[in-house]
Amino acid sequence: MGRKALIGLAIVMILMGALWIGQGLGIIKWPASSFMIGRPEWSWNGSALVLVGAVMLWFARRR
């Protein structure tokens, strides 16, 4: 996988994780039918995804 692809994937992971955190905490209520809204376990899952994405981004930028 190329460097640009890794950076792109890492950014998508960080953004998706941030969405999950917002939904899990009830801050983001989009889409309205989402089963993740107000469920704190999704904020933990989102935090883990942001962390993995940030580590991937750091490694991709070091290469």
N, C-alpha and C. Protein backbone atom coordinates (compact mmCIF):
# COMPACT_ATOMS: atom_id res chain seq x y z
N MET A 1 0.84 -1.17 0.00
CA MET A 1 0.00 0.00 0.00
C MET A 1 0.89 1.23 0.00
N GLY A 2 0.58 2.18 -0.84
CA GLY A 2 1.39 3.37 -0.95
C GLY A 2 1.20 4.34 0.21
N ARG A 3 2.15 5.23 0.30
CA ARG A 3 2.15 6.21 1.40
C ARG A 3 0.90 7.08 1.38
N LYS A 4 0.52 7.57 0.20
CA LYS A 4 -0.67 8.42 0.10
C LYS A 4 -1.93 7.66 0.47
N ALA A 5 -2.00 6.40 0.10
CA ALA A 5 -3.17 5.58 0.45
C ALA A 5 -3.25 5.37 1.96
N LEU A 6 -2.12 5.15 2.61
CA LEU A 6 -2.10 5.00 4.06
C LEU A 6 -2.54 6.28 4.76
N ILE A 7 -2.05 7.41 4.27
CA ILE A 7 -2.44 8.70 4.85
C ILE A 7 -3.94 8.92 4.67
N GLY A 8 -4.46 8.62 3.49
CA GLY A 8 -5.90 8.76 3.23
C GLY A 8 -6.73 7.86 4.13
N LEU A 9 -6.32 6.61 4.27
CA LEU A 9 -7.02 5.67 5.13
C LEU A 9 -6.99 6.14 6.58
N ALA A 10 -5.84 6.63 7.03
CA ALA A 10 -5.71 7.11 8.41
C ALA A 10 -6.64 8.30 8.66
N ILE A 11 -6.74 9.21 7.71
CA ILE A 11 -7.61 10.37 7.87
C ILE A 11 -9.07 9.93 7.93
N VAL A 12 -9.45 8.99 7.08
CA VAL A 12 -10.83 8.48 7.11
C VAL A 12 -11.12 7.82 8.45
N MET A 13 -10.16 7.05 8.97
CA MET A 13 -10.34 6.40 10.27
C MET A 13 -10.52 7.43 11.39
N ILE A 14 -9.73 8.48 11.35
CA ILE A 14 -9.83 9.53 12.38
C ILE A 14 -11.20 10.22 12.31
N LEU A 15 -11.64 10.56 11.11
CA LEU A 15 -12.93 11.23 10.95
C LEU A 15 -14.09 10.32 11.37
N MET A 16 -14.02 9.04 10.99
CA MET A 16 -15.08 8.10 11.36
C MET A 16 -15.10 7.90 12.87
N GLY A 17 -13.91 7.80 13.47
CA GLY A 17 -13.83 7.65 14.92
C GLY A 17 -14.42 8.85 15.63
N ALA A 18 -14.16 10.05 15.11
CA ALA A 18 -14.73 11.26 15.70
C ALA A 18 -16.26 11.26 15.60
N LEU A 19 -16.78 10.78 14.48
CA LEU A 19 -18.23 10.65 14.33
C LEU A 19 -18.79 9.68 15.37
N TRP A 20 -18.15 8.54 15.54
CA TRP A 20 -18.59 7.55 16.53
C TRP A 20 -18.56 8.12 17.94
N ILE A 21 -17.52 8.88 18.26
CA ILE A 21 -17.43 9.51 19.59
C ILE A 21 -18.61 10.46 19.78
N GLY A 22 -18.85 11.31 18.79
CA GLY A 22 -19.95 12.26 18.88
C GLY A 22 -21.31 11.58 19.00
N GLN A 23 -21.51 10.51 18.24
CA GLN A 23 -22.78 9.79 18.33
C GLN A 23 -22.91 9.08 19.68
N GLY A 24 -21.84 8.46 20.12
CA GLY A 24 -21.89 7.73 21.39
C GLY A 24 -22.18 8.64 22.57
N LEU A 25 -21.68 9.86 22.52
CA LEU A 25 -21.92 10.82 23.60
C LEU A 25 -23.23 11.59 23.43
N GLY A 26 -23.91 11.37 22.29
CA GLY A 26 -25.18 12.04 22.04
C GLY A 26 -25.02 13.46 21.54
N ILE A 27 -23.81 13.84 21.13
CA ILE A 27 -23.56 15.19 20.62
C ILE A 27 -24.00 15.30 19.16
N ILE A 28 -23.69 14.26 18.39
CA ILE A 28 -24.06 14.22 16.97
C ILE A 28 -25.24 13.27 16.83
N LYS A 29 -26.34 13.78 16.34
CA LYS A 29 -27.54 12.96 16.19
C LYS A 29 -27.85 12.74 14.71
N TRP A 30 -26.80 12.42 13.96
CA TRP A 30 -26.93 12.17 12.52
C TRP A 30 -26.30 10.84 12.19
N PRO A 31 -26.91 10.03 11.41
CA PRO A 31 -28.30 10.08 10.98
C PRO A 31 -29.24 9.79 12.15
N ALA A 32 -30.43 10.34 12.09
CA ALA A 32 -31.36 10.26 13.22
C ALA A 32 -31.72 8.82 13.59
N SER A 33 -31.64 7.91 12.64
CA SER A 33 -32.01 6.52 12.89
C SER A 33 -30.84 5.66 13.36
N SER A 34 -29.69 6.26 13.64
CA SER A 34 -28.50 5.49 14.01
C SER A 34 -28.68 4.82 15.37
N PHE A 35 -28.27 3.57 15.45
CA PHE A 35 -28.35 2.81 16.69
C PHE A 35 -27.24 3.20 17.66
N MET A 36 -26.28 4.01 17.24
CA MET A 36 -25.13 4.38 18.07
C MET A 36 -25.40 5.62 18.93
N ILE A 37 -26.44 6.37 18.64
CA ILE A 37 -26.69 7.63 19.34
C ILE A 37 -27.01 7.36 20.80
N GLY A 38 -26.23 8.01 21.67
CA GLY A 38 -26.45 7.89 23.10
C GLY A 38 -25.94 6.60 23.72
N ARG A 39 -25.15 5.83 22.99
CA ARG A 39 -24.60 4.57 23.51
C ARG A 39 -23.12 4.77 23.79
N PRO A 40 -22.73 4.92 25.05
CA PRO A 40 -21.34 5.27 25.40
C PRO A 40 -20.28 4.29 24.90
N GLU A 41 -20.63 3.04 24.69
CA GLU A 41 -19.62 2.09 24.18
C GLU A 41 -19.10 2.51 22.81
N TRP A 42 -19.93 3.23 22.05
CA TRP A 42 -19.48 3.68 20.73
C TRP A 42 -18.49 4.83 20.84
N SER A 43 -18.54 5.58 21.93
CA SER A 43 -17.52 6.61 22.12
C SER A 43 -16.17 5.96 22.41
N TRP A 44 -16.19 4.83 23.12
CA TRP A 44 -14.93 4.09 23.37
C TRP A 44 -14.41 3.47 22.07
N ASN A 45 -15.31 2.89 21.28
CA ASN A 45 -14.89 2.32 19.98
C ASN A 45 -14.32 3.41 19.08
N GLY A 46 -14.97 4.57 19.07
CA GLY A 46 -14.48 5.69 18.28
C GLY A 46 -13.13 6.19 18.74
N SER A 47 -12.93 6.21 20.05
CA SER A 47 -11.63 6.63 20.59
C SER A 47 -10.52 5.70 20.13
N ALA A 48 -10.82 4.40 20.16
CA ALA A 48 -9.83 3.41 19.71
C ALA A 48 -9.53 3.60 18.22
N LEU A 49 -10.57 3.85 17.42
CA LEU A 49 -10.37 4.04 15.98
C LEU A 49 -9.55 5.30 15.70
N VAL A 50 -9.81 6.39 16.44
CA VAL A 50 -9.03 7.62 16.29
C VAL A 50 -7.57 7.35 16.65
N LEU A 51 -7.34 6.61 17.72
CA LEU A 51 -5.97 6.31 18.15
C LEU A 51 -5.23 5.49 17.09
N VAL A 52 -5.87 4.46 16.56
CA VAL A 52 -5.24 3.64 15.52
C VAL A 52 -4.97 4.48 14.27
N GLY A 53 -5.92 5.32 13.89
CA GLY A 53 -5.74 6.18 12.73
C GLY A 53 -4.60 7.17 12.93
N ALA A 54 -4.48 7.71 14.14
CA ALA A 54 -3.41 8.67 14.42
C ALA A 54 -2.04 7.98 14.37
N VAL A 55 -1.96 6.78 14.88
CA VAL A 55 -0.69 6.03 14.83
C VAL A 55 -0.34 5.71 13.39
N MET A 56 -1.34 5.29 12.60
CA MET A 56 -1.10 5.02 11.17
C MET A 56 -0.62 6.26 10.45
N LEU A 57 -1.24 7.40 10.74
CA LEU A 57 -0.85 8.65 10.11
C LEU A 57 0.58 9.02 10.48
N TRP A 58 0.92 8.84 11.74
CA TRP A 58 2.29 9.15 12.19
C TRP A 58 3.31 8.28 11.48
N PHE A 59 3.02 6.96 11.40
CA PHE A 59 3.95 6.07 10.71
C PHE A 59 4.03 6.36 9.22
N ALA A 60 2.91 6.68 8.59
CA ALA A 60 2.90 6.95 7.15
C ALA A 60 3.71 8.22 6.84
N ARG A 61 3.61 9.21 7.71
CA ARG A 61 4.34 10.45 7.47
C ARG A 61 5.84 10.30 7.74
N ARG A 62 6.22 9.32 8.56
CA ARG A 62 7.65 9.09 8.86
C ARG A 62 8.37 8.42 7.72
N ARG A 63 7.64 7.64 6.91
CA ARG A 63 8.26 6.87 5.82
C ARG A 63 8.88 7.75 4.78
